[in-house]
Amino acid sequence: MSEGGPASPGRSGAAPPPPPSDRKRETLAAGSPIQPIIKDVGEIYSRLLDHRPVIQGEIRYFVKEFEEKRGLRELRVLENLKNTIFETNEHVLPKCEQAMPGNLNEIFKRLQAANEMMHRLQEKEHEERKREADELMAREEKRAAHWEEFMKEQQNKRAEVDEEHRKAMERLKEQYSEMEKELAKYISF
């Protein structure tokens, strides 16, 4: 029972004979009434359980639709992007590198000048605020001194008025006491 391999020279491309167990199945199925049932079961299996043909058909449909609708748009976008990057690297970037040192020095000088101007403005503003605060303090002190003088003057005037009132009260008391004395003279008659 030595069999040659599939590439043995004595056979001209014929398939090797099936193993002995498969021969029995073929002979049983070849002439029996079970053959149509087996065929139907195979078809049912391929339709219900074997989804490979359906999936392959869906994949082919999707690829076809994707290629037709989108075409080579992504390829064109990528090519444009590649060209833009190449142009940027070859032309724009060297120009920027050449222009940067001079412009940066210019910008740095301008920033320093702006910084100095801002510093001067801050100093002026600080001096102005200090001057205003000093003026406010001076006005406050002047107002406090004026108020104190006013209060002293009011106390002096009050003291004068009180003194005048006391003197007037004494005069009135004296006058009334004299009137009482004179009245007492007339009562004795």
N, C-alpha and C. Protein backbone atom coordinates (compact mmCIF):
# COMPACT_ATOMS: atom_id res chain seq x y z
N MET A 1 0.82 -1.18 0.00
CA MET A 1 0.00 0.00 0.00
C MET A 1 0.85 1.23 0.00
N SER A 2 1.92 1.20 -0.63
CA SER A 2 2.74 2.40 -0.70
C SER A 2 2.21 3.26 -1.81
N GLU A 3 1.87 4.46 -1.45
CA GLU A 3 1.32 5.39 -2.44
C GLU A 3 2.32 6.49 -2.68
N GLY A 4 2.40 6.97 -3.85
CA GLY A 4 3.29 8.08 -4.17
C GLY A 4 2.64 9.38 -3.80
N GLY A 5 3.45 10.39 -3.64
CA GLY A 5 2.94 11.71 -3.29
C GLY A 5 2.22 12.32 -4.46
N PRO A 6 1.67 13.47 -4.30
CA PRO A 6 0.92 14.10 -5.36
C PRO A 6 1.79 14.46 -6.55
N ALA A 7 3.08 14.54 -6.36
CA ALA A 7 3.93 14.92 -7.48
C ALA A 7 4.66 13.71 -8.04
N SER A 8 4.10 12.51 -7.91
CA SER A 8 4.81 11.34 -8.44
C SER A 8 4.71 11.34 -9.96
N PRO A 9 5.80 10.91 -10.63
CA PRO A 9 5.88 11.03 -12.08
C PRO A 9 4.92 10.11 -12.82
N GLY A 10 4.45 9.05 -12.21
CA GLY A 10 3.61 8.11 -12.93
C GLY A 10 2.20 8.59 -13.10
N ARG A 11 1.78 9.58 -12.38
CA ARG A 11 0.40 10.07 -12.46
C ARG A 11 0.39 11.41 -13.16
N SER A 12 -0.49 11.64 -14.01
CA SER A 12 -0.51 12.89 -14.77
C SER A 12 -1.54 13.83 -14.18
N GLY A 13 -1.25 14.38 -13.03
CA GLY A 13 -2.08 15.41 -12.43
C GLY A 13 -3.36 14.90 -11.85
N ALA A 14 -3.58 13.60 -11.76
CA ALA A 14 -4.82 13.08 -11.21
C ALA A 14 -4.77 13.18 -9.70
N ALA A 15 -5.91 13.36 -9.07
CA ALA A 15 -5.98 13.48 -7.62
C ALA A 15 -5.73 12.11 -7.00
N PRO A 16 -5.12 12.06 -5.85
CA PRO A 16 -4.89 10.77 -5.22
C PRO A 16 -6.21 10.13 -4.82
N PRO A 17 -6.25 8.83 -4.80
CA PRO A 17 -7.52 8.18 -4.46
C PRO A 17 -7.87 8.48 -3.01
N PRO A 18 -9.15 8.63 -2.70
CA PRO A 18 -9.56 8.96 -1.34
C PRO A 18 -9.22 7.83 -0.38
N PRO A 19 -9.10 8.13 0.90
CA PRO A 19 -8.81 7.08 1.88
C PRO A 19 -9.94 6.05 1.90
N PRO A 20 -9.68 4.85 2.41
CA PRO A 20 -10.66 3.78 2.34
C PRO A 20 -11.96 4.12 3.07
N SER A 21 -11.96 4.89 4.16
CA SER A 21 -13.20 5.17 4.88
C SER A 21 -14.10 6.08 4.06
N ASP A 22 -13.50 7.02 3.29
CA ASP A 22 -14.30 7.90 2.44
C ASP A 22 -14.92 7.13 1.28
N ARG A 23 -14.28 6.08 0.83
CA ARG A 23 -14.80 5.27 -0.28
C ARG A 23 -16.11 4.63 0.13
N LYS A 24 -16.19 4.19 1.35
CA LYS A 24 -17.41 3.54 1.80
C LYS A 24 -18.56 4.54 1.80
N ARG A 25 -18.28 5.78 2.23
CA ARG A 25 -19.34 6.80 2.25
C ARG A 25 -19.82 7.11 0.85
N GLU A 26 -18.87 7.24 -0.06
CA GLU A 26 -19.24 7.57 -1.44
C GLU A 26 -20.09 6.45 -2.04
N THR A 27 -19.70 5.25 -1.78
CA THR A 27 -20.47 4.15 -2.36
C THR A 27 -21.84 4.06 -1.74
N LEU A 28 -21.95 4.39 -0.43
CA LEU A 28 -23.25 4.34 0.21
C LEU A 28 -24.13 5.47 -0.30
N ALA A 29 -23.53 6.66 -0.43
CA ALA A 29 -24.31 7.83 -0.80
C ALA A 29 -24.58 7.86 -2.29
N ALA A 30 -23.80 7.19 -3.10
CA ALA A 30 -23.92 7.31 -4.54
C ALA A 30 -25.23 6.71 -5.06
N GLY A 31 -25.63 5.64 -4.56
CA GLY A 31 -26.81 5.03 -5.12
C GLY A 31 -27.97 4.98 -4.16
N SER A 32 -27.91 5.59 -3.04
CA SER A 32 -28.97 5.45 -2.06
C SER A 32 -29.92 6.64 -2.11
N PRO A 33 -31.08 6.49 -1.51
CA PRO A 33 -32.05 7.59 -1.49
C PRO A 33 -31.65 8.69 -0.51
N ILE A 34 -30.58 8.51 0.25
CA ILE A 34 -30.13 9.51 1.21
C ILE A 34 -29.40 10.65 0.50
N GLN A 35 -28.95 10.39 -0.69
CA GLN A 35 -28.16 11.40 -1.40
C GLN A 35 -28.89 12.74 -1.54
N PRO A 36 -30.15 12.80 -1.96
CA PRO A 36 -30.81 14.11 -2.06
C PRO A 36 -30.96 14.79 -0.70
N ILE A 37 -31.14 13.97 0.36
CA ILE A 37 -31.27 14.54 1.70
C ILE A 37 -29.95 15.18 2.12
N ILE A 38 -28.87 14.45 1.85
CA ILE A 38 -27.55 14.98 2.19
C ILE A 38 -27.28 16.27 1.41
N LYS A 39 -27.67 16.27 0.17
CA LYS A 39 -27.48 17.46 -0.66
C LYS A 39 -28.30 18.63 -0.09
N ASP A 40 -29.55 18.36 0.28
CA ASP A 40 -30.41 19.41 0.85
C ASP A 40 -29.85 19.92 2.19
N VAL A 41 -29.36 19.00 3.01
CA VAL A 41 -28.78 19.40 4.29
C VAL A 41 -27.55 20.29 4.04
N GLY A 42 -26.77 19.92 3.07
CA GLY A 42 -25.60 20.74 2.72
C GLY A 42 -25.99 22.14 2.27
N GLU A 43 -27.06 22.21 1.44
CA GLU A 43 -27.53 23.52 0.99
C GLU A 43 -28.09 24.34 2.15
N ILE A 44 -28.85 23.68 3.03
CA ILE A 44 -29.41 24.37 4.20
C ILE A 44 -28.27 24.89 5.08
N TYR A 45 -27.30 24.04 5.30
CA TYR A 45 -26.15 24.46 6.10
C TYR A 45 -25.45 25.67 5.46
N SER A 46 -25.22 25.59 4.15
CA SER A 46 -24.51 26.70 3.51
C SER A 46 -25.33 27.98 3.53
N ARG A 47 -26.69 27.85 3.45
CA ARG A 47 -27.51 29.06 3.47
C ARG A 47 -27.68 29.62 4.88
N LEU A 48 -27.89 28.76 5.86
CA LEU A 48 -28.18 29.23 7.21
C LEU A 48 -26.93 29.46 8.05
N LEU A 49 -25.98 28.59 7.97
CA LEU A 49 -24.87 28.64 8.92
C LEU A 49 -23.57 29.12 8.31
N ASP A 50 -23.41 29.05 7.04
CA ASP A 50 -22.15 29.49 6.42
C ASP A 50 -22.33 30.91 5.91
N HIS A 51 -21.86 31.88 6.67
CA HIS A 51 -22.05 33.29 6.31
C HIS A 51 -20.91 33.85 5.48
N ARG A 52 -19.94 33.07 5.20
CA ARG A 52 -18.78 33.58 4.45
C ARG A 52 -19.16 34.19 3.11
N PRO A 53 -20.00 33.55 2.30
CA PRO A 53 -20.33 34.18 1.01
C PRO A 53 -21.03 35.52 1.18
N VAL A 54 -21.92 35.61 2.15
CA VAL A 54 -22.64 36.87 2.37
C VAL A 54 -21.67 37.95 2.83
N ILE A 55 -20.83 37.59 3.78
CA ILE A 55 -19.87 38.57 4.31
C ILE A 55 -18.91 39.00 3.21
N GLN A 56 -18.44 38.03 2.40
CA GLN A 56 -17.54 38.40 1.31
C GLN A 56 -18.22 39.31 0.31
N GLY A 57 -19.50 39.04 0.03
CA GLY A 57 -20.24 39.90 -0.88
C GLY A 57 -20.41 41.31 -0.30
N GLU A 58 -20.70 41.41 0.98
CA GLU A 58 -20.83 42.73 1.63
C GLU A 58 -19.51 43.47 1.61
N ILE A 59 -18.44 42.75 1.87
CA ILE A 59 -17.11 43.38 1.85
C ILE A 59 -16.80 43.91 0.46
N ARG A 60 -17.07 43.08 -0.57
CA ARG A 60 -16.82 43.55 -1.95
C ARG A 60 -17.66 44.78 -2.28
N TYR A 61 -18.94 44.75 -1.85
CA TYR A 61 -19.83 45.89 -2.09
C TYR A 61 -19.32 47.15 -1.39
N PHE A 62 -18.92 47.01 -0.14
CA PHE A 62 -18.41 48.16 0.64
C PHE A 62 -17.15 48.74 -0.01
N VAL A 63 -16.23 47.88 -0.39
CA VAL A 63 -14.98 48.35 -1.01
C VAL A 63 -15.29 49.04 -2.33
N LYS A 64 -16.21 48.46 -3.10
CA LYS A 64 -16.57 49.06 -4.38
C LYS A 64 -17.20 50.44 -4.17
N GLU A 65 -18.16 50.55 -3.24
CA GLU A 65 -18.81 51.83 -2.95
C GLU A 65 -17.80 52.85 -2.42
N PHE A 66 -16.96 52.40 -1.53
CA PHE A 66 -15.95 53.29 -0.93
C PHE A 66 -15.03 53.85 -2.00
N GLU A 67 -14.56 52.97 -2.90
CA GLU A 67 -13.65 53.43 -3.96
C GLU A 67 -14.36 54.33 -4.95
N GLU A 68 -15.63 54.00 -5.29
CA GLU A 68 -16.35 54.82 -6.27
C GLU A 68 -16.69 56.19 -5.71
N LYS A 69 -17.20 56.21 -4.46
CA LYS A 69 -17.64 57.48 -3.90
C LYS A 69 -16.48 58.37 -3.51
N ARG A 70 -15.49 57.79 -2.91
CA ARG A 70 -14.38 58.59 -2.41
C ARG A 70 -13.28 58.73 -3.45
N GLY A 71 -13.21 57.77 -4.33
CA GLY A 71 -12.20 57.84 -5.38
C GLY A 71 -10.81 57.90 -4.78
N LEU A 72 -10.04 58.77 -5.31
CA LEU A 72 -8.67 58.93 -4.83
C LEU A 72 -8.52 60.23 -4.05
N ARG A 73 -9.64 60.65 -3.43
CA ARG A 73 -9.63 61.92 -2.71
C ARG A 73 -8.60 61.93 -1.58
N GLU A 74 -8.54 60.86 -0.78
CA GLU A 74 -7.57 60.81 0.31
C GLU A 74 -6.15 60.86 -0.23
N LEU A 75 -5.95 60.18 -1.36
CA LEU A 75 -4.61 60.20 -1.96
C LEU A 75 -4.26 61.61 -2.41
N ARG A 76 -5.23 62.32 -3.00
CA ARG A 76 -4.97 63.69 -3.43
C ARG A 76 -4.72 64.60 -2.23
N VAL A 77 -5.51 64.41 -1.16
CA VAL A 77 -5.32 65.22 0.05
C VAL A 77 -3.94 64.97 0.64
N LEU A 78 -3.56 63.71 0.72
CA LEU A 78 -2.23 63.39 1.25
C LEU A 78 -1.13 63.94 0.35
N GLU A 79 -1.33 63.89 -0.94
CA GLU A 79 -0.33 64.43 -1.88
C GLU A 79 -0.22 65.94 -1.71
N ASN A 80 -1.36 66.62 -1.58
CA ASN A 80 -1.33 68.07 -1.34
C ASN A 80 -0.66 68.40 -0.02
N LEU A 81 -0.94 67.61 0.99
CA LEU A 81 -0.32 67.81 2.29
C LEU A 81 1.19 67.60 2.20
N LYS A 82 1.59 66.57 1.48
CA LYS A 82 3.02 66.31 1.30
C LYS A 82 3.68 67.48 0.57
N ASN A 83 3.02 67.99 -0.48
CA ASN A 83 3.58 69.14 -1.22
C ASN A 83 3.68 70.38 -0.33
N THR A 84 2.65 70.60 0.48
CA THR A 84 2.65 71.77 1.39
C THR A 84 3.78 71.65 2.40
N ILE A 85 3.95 70.46 2.95
CA ILE A 85 5.03 70.26 3.93
C ILE A 85 6.38 70.43 3.26
N PHE A 86 6.53 69.88 2.07
CA PHE A 86 7.79 70.02 1.34
C PHE A 86 8.09 71.49 1.06
N GLU A 87 7.07 72.22 0.58
CA GLU A 87 7.27 73.65 0.28
C GLU A 87 7.60 74.43 1.55
N THR A 88 6.93 74.08 2.64
CA THR A 88 7.21 74.75 3.91
C THR A 88 8.65 74.48 4.35
N ASN A 89 9.05 73.23 4.28
CA ASN A 89 10.41 72.88 4.71
C ASN A 89 11.47 73.51 3.81
N GLU A 90 11.21 73.56 2.51
CA GLU A 90 12.23 74.03 1.57
C GLU A 90 12.26 75.55 1.41
N HIS A 91 11.12 76.22 1.52
CA HIS A 91 11.08 77.65 1.21
C HIS A 91 10.71 78.52 2.41
N VAL A 92 9.61 78.19 3.06
CA VAL A 92 9.10 79.07 4.11
C VAL A 92 9.99 79.02 5.35
N LEU A 93 10.35 77.82 5.78
CA LEU A 93 11.15 77.68 6.99
C LEU A 93 12.51 78.40 6.88
N PRO A 94 13.24 78.25 5.77
CA PRO A 94 14.51 79.01 5.67
C PRO A 94 14.30 80.52 5.69
N LYS A 95 13.22 81.00 5.04
CA LYS A 95 12.95 82.43 5.06
C LYS A 95 12.68 82.90 6.49
N CYS A 96 11.90 82.10 7.22
CA CYS A 96 11.60 82.45 8.62
C CYS A 96 12.87 82.45 9.46
N GLU A 97 13.71 81.45 9.22
CA GLU A 97 14.96 81.38 9.99
C GLU A 97 15.87 82.57 9.68
N GLN A 98 15.85 83.02 8.43
CA GLN A 98 16.66 84.18 8.07
C GLN A 98 16.08 85.47 8.65
N ALA A 99 14.78 85.58 8.63
CA ALA A 99 14.14 86.82 9.09
C ALA A 99 14.07 86.90 10.62
N MET A 100 14.11 85.76 11.28
CA MET A 100 13.92 85.74 12.71
C MET A 100 14.96 86.52 13.50
N PRO A 101 16.26 86.34 13.29
CA PRO A 101 17.23 87.05 14.16
C PRO A 101 17.07 88.56 14.13
N GLY A 102 16.96 89.14 12.94
CA GLY A 102 16.80 90.59 12.84
C GLY A 102 15.50 91.06 13.45
N ASN A 103 14.43 90.34 13.15
CA ASN A 103 13.13 90.74 13.68
C ASN A 103 13.07 90.54 15.19
N LEU A 104 13.67 89.48 15.68
CA LEU A 104 13.65 89.26 17.12
C LEU A 104 14.43 90.35 17.85
N ASN A 105 15.57 90.76 17.28
CA ASN A 105 16.33 91.85 17.90
C ASN A 105 15.50 93.13 17.90
N GLU A 106 14.84 93.39 16.78
CA GLU A 106 13.98 94.58 16.68
C GLU A 106 12.85 94.52 17.71
N ILE A 107 12.22 93.36 17.79
CA ILE A 107 11.12 93.19 18.75
C ILE A 107 11.64 93.32 20.18
N PHE A 108 12.82 92.76 20.46
CA PHE A 108 13.39 92.86 21.79
C PHE A 108 13.66 94.31 22.16
N LYS A 109 14.20 95.09 21.20
CA LYS A 109 14.46 96.51 21.46
C LYS A 109 13.15 97.26 21.72
N ARG A 110 12.13 96.95 20.94
CA ARG A 110 10.84 97.60 21.13
C ARG A 110 10.23 97.24 22.49
N LEU A 111 10.37 95.97 22.85
CA LEU A 111 9.85 95.55 24.14
C LEU A 111 10.59 96.25 25.28
N GLN A 112 11.90 96.40 25.14
CA GLN A 112 12.66 97.11 26.18
C GLN A 112 12.20 98.56 26.27
N ALA A 113 12.02 99.21 25.10
CA ALA A 113 11.56 100.60 25.11
C ALA A 113 10.16 100.70 25.74
N ALA A 114 9.28 99.77 25.39
CA ALA A 114 7.94 99.78 25.96
C ALA A 114 8.00 99.53 27.47
N ASN A 115 8.89 98.65 27.88
CA ASN A 115 9.04 98.36 29.30
C ASN A 115 9.53 99.60 30.05
N GLU A 116 10.50 100.31 29.48
CA GLU A 116 10.99 101.54 30.11
C GLU A 116 9.90 102.59 30.18
N MET A 117 9.12 102.73 29.11
CA MET A 117 8.03 103.70 29.12
C MET A 117 6.99 103.34 30.19
N MET A 118 6.68 102.07 30.29
CA MET A 118 5.72 101.65 31.31
C MET A 118 6.28 101.91 32.71
N HIS A 119 7.58 101.69 32.89
CA HIS A 119 8.20 101.94 34.19
C HIS A 119 8.11 103.43 34.53
N ARG A 120 8.41 104.29 33.54
CA ARG A 120 8.31 105.74 33.78
C ARG A 120 6.87 106.13 34.10
N LEU A 121 5.92 105.58 33.35
CA LEU A 121 4.51 105.90 33.61
C LEU A 121 4.10 105.45 35.01
N GLN A 122 4.57 104.28 35.42
CA GLN A 122 4.25 103.80 36.76
C GLN A 122 4.86 104.72 37.82
N GLU A 123 6.09 105.18 37.58
CA GLU A 123 6.73 106.10 38.53
C GLU A 123 5.95 107.41 38.61
N LYS A 124 5.57 107.95 37.44
CA LYS A 124 4.78 109.18 37.44
C LYS A 124 3.46 109.00 38.18
N GLU A 125 2.81 107.87 37.91
CA GLU A 125 1.54 107.60 38.57
C GLU A 125 1.74 107.47 40.07
N HIS A 126 2.82 106.80 40.47
CA HIS A 126 3.12 106.65 41.89
C HIS A 126 3.38 108.02 42.53
N GLU A 127 4.16 108.86 41.85
CA GLU A 127 4.43 110.20 42.37
C GLU A 127 3.15 111.01 42.45
N GLU A 128 2.30 110.90 41.43
CA GLU A 128 1.03 111.64 41.42
C GLU A 128 0.15 111.19 42.60
N ARG A 129 0.08 109.88 42.81
CA ARG A 129 -0.72 109.38 43.93
C ARG A 129 -0.15 109.85 45.26
N LYS A 130 1.19 109.85 45.37
CA LYS A 130 1.82 110.29 46.61
C LYS A 130 1.53 111.78 46.84
N ARG A 131 1.64 112.57 45.76
CA ARG A 131 1.36 114.00 45.86
C ARG A 131 -0.09 114.24 46.28
N GLU A 132 -1.02 113.50 45.64
CA GLU A 132 -2.43 113.64 46.00
C GLU A 132 -2.67 113.22 47.45
N ALA A 133 -2.01 112.14 47.88
CA ALA A 133 -2.16 111.70 49.27
C ALA A 133 -1.60 112.75 50.22
N ASP A 134 -0.45 113.37 49.87
CA ASP A 134 0.13 114.42 50.71
C ASP A 134 -0.80 115.63 50.78
N GLU A 135 -1.36 116.02 49.62
CA GLU A 135 -2.29 117.14 49.60
C GLU A 135 -3.53 116.83 50.45
N LEU A 136 -4.01 115.61 50.33
CA LEU A 136 -5.18 115.21 51.11
C LEU A 136 -4.87 115.27 52.61
N MET A 137 -3.68 114.78 52.99
CA MET A 137 -3.29 114.83 54.39
C MET A 137 -3.17 116.28 54.87
N ALA A 138 -2.58 117.14 54.02
CA ALA A 138 -2.42 118.55 54.39
C ALA A 138 -3.80 119.20 54.55
N ARG A 139 -4.72 118.93 53.61
CA ARG A 139 -6.07 119.48 53.72
C ARG A 139 -6.77 118.96 54.98
N GLU A 140 -6.56 117.66 55.26
CA GLU A 140 -7.17 117.07 56.45
C GLU A 140 -6.62 117.72 57.71
N GLU A 141 -5.30 117.92 57.76
CA GLU A 141 -4.70 118.57 58.93
C GLU A 141 -5.20 120.01 59.06
N LYS A 142 -5.29 120.72 57.92
CA LYS A 142 -5.77 122.10 57.93
C LYS A 142 -7.22 122.14 58.42
N ARG A 143 -8.02 121.20 57.92
CA ARG A 143 -9.42 121.15 58.34
C ARG A 143 -9.51 120.84 59.84
N ALA A 144 -8.68 119.89 60.31
CA ALA A 144 -8.69 119.55 61.74
C ALA A 144 -8.28 120.77 62.57
N ALA A 145 -7.25 121.53 62.12
CA ALA A 145 -6.82 122.72 62.86
C ALA A 145 -7.92 123.78 62.85
N HIS A 146 -8.54 123.97 61.70
CA HIS A 146 -9.64 124.93 61.58
C HIS A 146 -10.80 124.51 62.50
N TRP A 147 -11.11 123.24 62.51
CA TRP A 147 -12.19 122.75 63.38
C TRP A 147 -11.85 122.98 64.84
N GLU A 148 -10.62 122.71 65.22
CA GLU A 148 -10.21 122.90 66.61
C GLU A 148 -10.31 124.38 66.99
N GLU A 149 -9.88 125.25 66.08
CA GLU A 149 -9.96 126.69 66.33
C GLU A 149 -11.42 127.12 66.45
N PHE A 150 -12.25 126.58 65.56
CA PHE A 150 -13.68 126.89 65.58
C PHE A 150 -14.30 126.46 66.92
N MET A 151 -13.96 125.25 67.38
CA MET A 151 -14.50 124.76 68.64
C MET A 151 -14.03 125.62 69.82
N LYS A 152 -12.76 126.06 69.82
CA LYS A 152 -12.26 126.94 70.89
C LYS A 152 -13.01 128.26 70.87
N GLU A 153 -13.20 128.78 69.67
CA GLU A 153 -13.93 130.05 69.52
C GLU A 153 -15.35 129.89 70.03
N GLN A 154 -15.98 128.74 69.71
CA GLN A 154 -17.33 128.50 70.19
C GLN A 154 -17.37 128.39 71.70
N GLN A 155 -16.39 127.75 72.29
CA GLN A 155 -16.34 127.64 73.74
C GLN A 155 -16.15 129.03 74.38
N ASN A 156 -15.28 129.84 73.76
CA ASN A 156 -15.09 131.21 74.27
C ASN A 156 -16.39 132.00 74.18
N LYS A 157 -17.06 131.92 73.05
CA LYS A 157 -18.32 132.65 72.89
C LYS A 157 -19.35 132.14 73.89
N ARG A 158 -19.37 130.80 74.07
CA ARG A 158 -20.30 130.23 75.04
C ARG A 158 -20.00 130.74 76.45
N ALA A 159 -18.70 130.79 76.76
CA ALA A 159 -18.32 131.30 78.09
C ALA A 159 -18.74 132.76 78.23
N GLU A 160 -18.57 133.56 77.16
CA GLU A 160 -18.98 134.97 77.21
C GLU A 160 -20.49 135.06 77.39
N VAL A 161 -21.23 134.25 76.60
CA VAL A 161 -22.69 134.29 76.70
C VAL A 161 -23.11 133.85 78.11
N ASP A 162 -22.47 132.79 78.61
CA ASP A 162 -22.80 132.34 79.97
C ASP A 162 -22.52 133.45 81.00
N GLU A 163 -21.39 134.13 80.83
CA GLU A 163 -21.03 135.22 81.76
C GLU A 163 -22.05 136.35 81.66
N GLU A 164 -22.41 136.71 80.45
CA GLU A 164 -23.41 137.77 80.28
C GLU A 164 -24.73 137.33 80.89
N HIS A 165 -25.08 136.08 80.68
CA HIS A 165 -26.33 135.57 81.24
C HIS A 165 -26.27 135.61 82.77
N ARG A 166 -25.15 135.20 83.35
CA ARG A 166 -25.03 135.22 84.81
C ARG A 166 -25.14 136.66 85.33
N LYS A 167 -24.45 137.59 84.63
CA LYS A 167 -24.52 139.00 85.06
C LYS A 167 -25.95 139.52 84.95
N ALA A 168 -26.61 139.17 83.85
CA ALA A 168 -27.99 139.62 83.66
C ALA A 168 -28.89 139.05 84.75
N MET A 169 -28.64 137.79 85.11
CA MET A 169 -29.43 137.16 86.17
C MET A 169 -29.18 137.88 87.50
N GLU A 170 -27.95 138.24 87.77
CA GLU A 170 -27.63 138.95 89.02
C GLU A 170 -28.32 140.32 89.04
N ARG A 171 -28.24 141.02 87.90
CA ARG A 171 -28.90 142.32 87.83
C ARG A 171 -30.39 142.19 88.06
N LEU A 172 -30.96 141.16 87.42
CA LEU A 172 -32.40 140.96 87.60
C LEU A 172 -32.72 140.61 89.04
N LYS A 173 -31.89 139.79 89.66
CA LYS A 173 -32.13 139.44 91.07
C LYS A 173 -32.04 140.71 91.94
N GLU A 174 -31.04 141.52 91.67
CA GLU A 174 -30.89 142.76 92.44
C GLU A 174 -32.11 143.66 92.22
N GLN A 175 -32.50 143.75 90.93
CA GLN A 175 -33.64 144.61 90.61
C GLN A 175 -34.90 144.12 91.31
N TYR A 176 -35.10 142.80 91.24
CA TYR A 176 -36.30 142.26 91.89
C TYR A 176 -36.20 142.39 93.41
N SER A 177 -35.02 142.22 93.96
CA SER A 177 -34.91 142.37 95.43
C SER A 177 -35.19 143.84 95.83
N GLU A 178 -34.72 144.81 95.03
CA GLU A 178 -35.01 146.22 95.33
C GLU A 178 -36.50 146.49 95.17
N MET A 179 -37.08 145.89 94.14
CA MET A 179 -38.51 146.10 93.94
C MET A 179 -39.29 145.49 95.11
N GLU A 180 -38.80 144.40 95.58
CA GLU A 180 -39.46 143.80 96.74
C GLU A 180 -39.33 144.70 97.97
N LYS A 181 -38.17 145.29 98.15
CA LYS A 181 -37.96 146.19 99.28
C LYS A 181 -38.89 147.39 99.15
N GLU A 182 -39.00 147.96 98.01
CA GLU A 182 -39.87 149.12 97.83
C GLU A 182 -41.33 148.72 98.01
N LEU A 183 -41.63 147.55 97.53
CA LEU A 183 -42.99 147.07 97.69
C LEU A 183 -43.27 146.82 99.19
N ALA A 184 -42.27 146.35 99.87
CA ALA A 184 -42.44 146.09 101.31
C ALA A 184 -42.68 147.43 102.02
N LYS A 185 -42.11 148.55 101.56
CA LYS A 185 -42.32 149.86 102.18
C LYS A 185 -43.78 150.26 102.00
N TYR A 186 -44.31 149.98 100.86
CA TYR A 186 -45.68 150.41 100.60
C TYR A 186 -46.69 149.53 101.31
N ILE A 187 -46.36 148.37 101.64
CA ILE A 187 -47.27 147.46 102.32
C ILE A 187 -47.41 147.89 103.80
N SER A 188 -46.42 148.39 104.38
CA SER A 188 -46.50 148.77 105.80
C SER A 188 -47.45 149.97 105.99
N PHE A 189 -47.86 150.69 105.14
CA PHE A 189 -48.77 151.80 105.36
C PHE A 189 -50.04 151.33 105.79
